[in-house]
Amino acid sequence: MATGSRMPSTIVTGTPQDQGTDRPRWTAQDIALVATFAALIAALGMPGSLYLLGSAVPVTLQTLGVALAGAILGWKRGGAAVLLLLLLCLIGLPVMSGFRGGPSVFAGASIGYLIAWAPAAAIIGFLVQTRLPKPSFWWIVLSCVAGSVLIHAIGIPGMMLRLNLDLATAIKADALFLPGDAIKTVLAASVATAVHRANPGLTPPLGRRRATAAAQRGTH
């Protein structure tokens, strides 16, 4: 008499998150948000730019969009939104303030500031994500200040290089942007705080807070 053998059954335990199949690295929502915030930064350039006291670097609202992208989307998506905008500018689309576009935008005195936009958005996003899902208004303010410091730190050497300025003169020229940056920081923090309170799951937290949040979801 032939005897059949039963194949051992495999019991799969754990949540999809535990198995690493919870979702792809970039979802359709992620891509849509990156595109939306790239468009937002471009739209904030539509009012044009203001040159203070003959400065070669204009004051624009687009740095507000950079801060919003990082503070709302987090470091990956926020940085990606800014990189997308810069890429569109590089290929000639008029997405910068005053409907400017093309490689010539990166040949001016603003080069350092533009280079710093994506890293600044990433830094802001990273810092905000460490306090999600409920970052305080003041933490987002500090995060935006950190991003702004980076923009100025890279922007000043750019002015020195393009305009042949000494350090003291470049710092003095850069100081013209500080009052406007303070206002944009408060606006960005106010909007981001409201967004995270209304949509606490829009952007995932980082590190230990992320693991804790996942564990708490698993217990419900």
Protein backbone atom coordinates (compact mmCIF):
# COMPACT_ATOMS: atom_id res chain seq x y z
CA MET A 1 0.00 0.00 0.00
CA ALA A 2 1.39 3.32 -0.98
CA THR A 3 1.56 5.86 1.72
CA GLY A 4 1.15 9.52 0.94
CA SER A 5 3.30 12.15 2.51
CA ARG A 6 1.85 15.40 3.58
CA MET A 7 3.82 18.45 2.73
CA PRO A 8 4.46 20.58 5.78
CA SER A 9 2.33 23.66 5.78
CA THR A 10 3.94 27.02 6.17
CA ILE A 11 2.34 29.47 8.48
CA VAL A 12 3.10 33.08 7.64
CA THR A 13 2.94 35.36 10.59
CA GLY A 14 3.46 38.99 11.00
CA THR A 15 2.09 42.03 9.31
CA PRO A 16 2.90 43.08 5.75
CA GLN A 17 5.12 45.74 7.26
CA ASP A 18 7.14 43.04 9.01
CA GLN A 19 7.59 41.19 5.71
CA GLY A 20 8.81 44.33 3.95
CA THR A 21 5.94 44.29 1.44
CA ASP A 22 3.82 47.05 2.94
CA ARG A 23 4.21 49.32 -0.07
CA PRO A 24 6.67 50.27 -2.80
CA ARG A 25 9.35 52.79 -2.02
CA TRP A 26 7.53 55.44 -4.05
CA THR A 27 3.76 55.31 -4.34
CA ALA A 28 1.56 57.20 -6.76
CA GLN A 29 0.72 59.53 -3.89
CA ASP A 30 4.40 60.25 -3.27
CA ILE A 31 4.95 61.12 -6.92
CA ALA A 32 1.85 63.29 -7.00
CA LEU A 33 2.93 65.19 -3.90
CA VAL A 34 6.43 65.76 -5.29
CA ALA A 35 4.96 67.11 -8.53
CA THR A 36 2.43 69.25 -6.66
CA PHE A 37 5.03 70.91 -4.48
CA ALA A 38 7.35 71.49 -7.43
CA ALA A 39 4.43 73.27 -9.07
CA LEU A 40 3.78 75.21 -5.86
CA ILE A 41 7.35 76.48 -5.71
CA ALA A 42 7.09 77.50 -9.36
CA ALA A 43 3.79 79.28 -8.70
CA LEU A 44 5.34 81.21 -5.83
CA GLY A 45 7.75 82.67 -8.36
CA MET A 46 4.95 84.10 -10.48
CA PRO A 47 4.64 87.37 -8.52
CA GLY A 48 8.18 88.09 -9.66
CA SER A 49 11.20 89.14 -7.66
CA LEU A 50 12.46 92.16 -5.77
CA TYR A 51 16.01 93.42 -5.88
CA LEU A 52 16.80 95.21 -2.61
CA LEU A 53 19.19 98.15 -2.70
CA GLY A 54 20.67 97.07 -5.99
CA SER A 55 21.39 93.50 -4.85
CA ALA A 56 22.28 91.06 -7.63
CA VAL A 57 20.28 88.30 -5.90
CA PRO A 58 16.51 88.79 -5.89
CA VAL A 59 14.09 88.29 -3.03
CA THR A 60 11.38 85.81 -4.03
CA LEU A 61 8.61 83.80 -2.42
CA GLN A 62 10.07 80.57 -3.75
CA THR A 63 12.14 79.93 -0.64
CA LEU A 64 8.83 79.77 1.21
CA GLY A 65 7.90 76.89 -1.09
CA VAL A 66 11.23 75.19 -0.38
CA ALA A 67 10.54 75.34 3.37
CA LEU A 68 6.98 74.11 2.90
CA ALA A 69 8.12 71.17 0.78
CA GLY A 70 10.54 69.99 3.43
CA ALA A 71 8.33 70.69 6.45
CA ILE A 72 5.25 68.99 4.97
CA LEU A 73 6.61 66.21 2.76
CA GLY A 74 9.68 65.15 4.73
CA TRP A 75 13.28 64.94 3.64
CA LYS A 76 12.99 62.55 0.67
CA ARG A 77 9.90 63.91 -1.02
CA GLY A 78 10.65 67.52 -0.10
CA GLY A 79 14.15 67.33 -1.53
CA ALA A 80 12.82 65.54 -4.61
CA ALA A 81 10.25 68.29 -5.23
CA VAL A 82 12.97 70.93 -5.25
CA LEU A 83 15.24 68.84 -7.47
CA LEU A 84 12.37 68.39 -9.92
CA LEU A 85 11.84 72.15 -10.05
CA LEU A 86 15.54 72.79 -10.68
CA LEU A 87 15.61 70.14 -13.39
CA LEU A 88 12.64 71.74 -15.13
CA CYS A 89 14.42 75.07 -14.94
CA LEU A 90 17.62 73.61 -16.34
CA ILE A 91 15.86 72.23 -19.43
CA GLY A 92 14.37 75.63 -20.12
CA LEU A 93 10.92 75.77 -18.54
CA PRO A 94 10.13 79.20 -17.00
CA VAL A 95 9.61 77.96 -13.45
CA MET A 96 11.80 80.46 -11.63
CA SER A 97 10.78 83.90 -10.41
CA GLY A 98 9.93 86.30 -13.19
CA PHE A 99 9.19 83.35 -15.54
CA ARG A 100 12.88 82.63 -16.00
CA GLY A 101 14.29 79.31 -17.11
CA GLY A 102 17.28 77.72 -18.78
CA PRO A 103 20.93 77.19 -17.83
CA SER A 104 21.52 80.94 -17.67
CA VAL A 105 19.59 81.04 -14.38
CA PHE A 106 22.43 79.06 -12.79
CA ALA A 107 25.10 81.37 -14.17
CA GLY A 108 24.16 84.35 -12.00
CA ALA A 109 24.89 85.41 -8.45
CA SER A 110 22.03 83.23 -7.15
CA ILE A 111 23.85 79.99 -7.96
CA GLY A 112 24.80 79.21 -4.36
CA TYR A 113 21.28 79.79 -3.08
CA LEU A 114 19.77 77.58 -5.80
CA ILE A 115 22.24 74.78 -5.11
CA ALA A 116 21.29 74.91 -1.43
CA TRP A 117 17.54 74.67 -1.95
CA ALA A 118 17.30 70.87 -2.19
CA PRO A 119 19.64 70.11 0.77
CA ALA A 120 17.81 72.75 2.81
CA ALA A 121 14.43 71.14 2.09
CA ALA A 122 15.90 67.75 3.04
CA ILE A 123 17.30 69.08 6.33
CA ILE A 124 14.01 70.75 7.22
CA GLY A 125 12.11 67.59 6.36
CA PHE A 126 14.44 65.34 8.31
CA LEU A 127 14.19 67.45 11.45
CA VAL A 128 10.41 67.70 11.24
CA GLN A 129 10.10 63.94 10.68
CA THR A 130 11.96 63.24 13.90
CA ARG A 131 9.03 64.80 15.78
CA LEU A 132 6.14 63.40 13.78
CA PRO A 133 3.28 62.71 14.02
CA LYS A 134 2.85 65.83 16.19
CA PRO A 135 5.68 68.31 15.68
CA SER A 136 5.29 71.55 17.57
CA PHE A 137 5.12 74.90 15.82
CA TRP A 138 8.40 75.98 17.40
CA TRP A 139 10.20 72.80 16.37
CA ILE A 140 9.16 73.41 12.77
CA VAL A 141 10.37 77.01 13.12
CA LEU A 142 13.77 75.75 14.29
CA SER A 143 13.85 73.23 11.45
CA CYS A 144 13.16 75.97 8.91
CA VAL A 145 15.84 78.15 10.50
CA ALA A 146 18.33 75.30 10.09
CA GLY A 147 17.45 75.05 6.40
CA SER A 148 17.71 78.81 6.00
CA VAL A 149 21.15 78.85 7.62
CA LEU A 150 22.32 76.29 5.06
CA ILE A 151 20.93 78.34 2.18
CA HIS A 152 22.78 81.44 3.37
CA ALA A 153 25.96 79.49 4.11
CA ILE A 154 26.11 78.25 0.51
CA GLY A 155 24.64 81.37 -1.04
CA ILE A 156 27.31 83.72 0.31
CA PRO A 157 30.23 81.91 -1.38
CA GLY A 158 28.19 81.86 -4.59
CA MET A 159 27.91 85.64 -4.50
CA MET A 160 31.60 85.96 -3.73
CA LEU A 161 32.46 83.77 -6.72
CA ARG A 162 30.11 85.35 -9.25
CA LEU A 163 30.46 88.99 -8.18
CA ASN A 164 34.08 88.98 -7.00
CA LEU A 165 33.07 90.16 -3.52
CA ASP A 166 35.05 89.83 -0.33
CA LEU A 167 33.49 87.93 2.56
CA ALA A 168 32.42 91.01 4.56
CA THR A 169 30.69 92.60 1.57
CA ALA A 170 28.94 89.34 0.67
CA ILE A 171 27.69 88.88 4.23
CA LYS A 172 26.37 92.44 4.25
CA ALA A 173 24.53 91.83 0.97
CA ASP A 174 23.15 88.55 2.27
CA ALA A 175 21.83 90.22 5.43
CA LEU A 176 19.23 92.04 3.33
CA PHE A 177 17.34 88.75 3.01
CA LEU A 178 17.06 88.02 6.74
CA PRO A 179 13.86 89.99 7.57
CA GLY A 180 11.98 88.37 4.71
CA ASP A 181 13.32 84.95 5.63
CA ALA A 182 12.03 85.39 9.17
CA ILE A 183 8.54 86.12 7.89
CA LYS A 184 8.62 83.17 5.48
CA THR A 185 9.84 80.88 8.27
CA VAL A 186 6.85 81.76 10.47
CA LEU A 187 4.44 81.33 7.55
CA ALA A 188 5.92 77.95 6.60
CA ALA A 189 5.82 76.71 10.18
CA SER A 190 2.22 77.85 10.62
CA VAL A 191 1.06 76.09 7.46
CA ALA A 192 3.05 72.91 8.14
CA THR A 193 1.80 72.69 11.72
CA ALA A 194 -1.80 72.96 10.53
CA VAL A 195 -1.26 70.36 7.80
CA HIS A 196 0.31 67.80 10.14
CA ARG A 197 -2.47 68.27 12.69
CA ALA A 198 -5.13 67.79 10.03
CA ASN A 199 -3.33 64.90 8.26
CA PRO A 200 -1.12 63.14 10.82
CA GLY A 201 -0.33 60.25 8.48
CA LEU A 202 0.67 62.32 5.45
CA THR A 203 4.39 61.97 6.15
CA PRO A 204 5.94 59.07 8.09
CA PRO A 205 8.02 59.72 11.22
CA LEU A 206 11.63 58.64 11.45
CA GLY A 207 13.62 56.35 13.70
CA ARG A 208 12.30 55.24 17.06
CA ARG A 209 9.11 57.26 16.73
CA ARG A 210 8.31 55.45 13.50
CA ALA A 211 8.83 52.04 15.10
CA THR A 212 6.71 53.05 18.09
CA ALA A 213 3.92 54.32 15.86
CA ALA A 214 3.94 51.07 13.87
CA ALA A 215 3.81 49.01 17.06
CA GLN A 216 0.90 51.04 18.34
CA ARG A 217 -1.00 50.52 15.07
CA GLY A 218 -0.39 46.79 15.37
CA THR A 219 -2.05 46.64 18.81
CA HIS A 220 -5.33 48.14 17.65
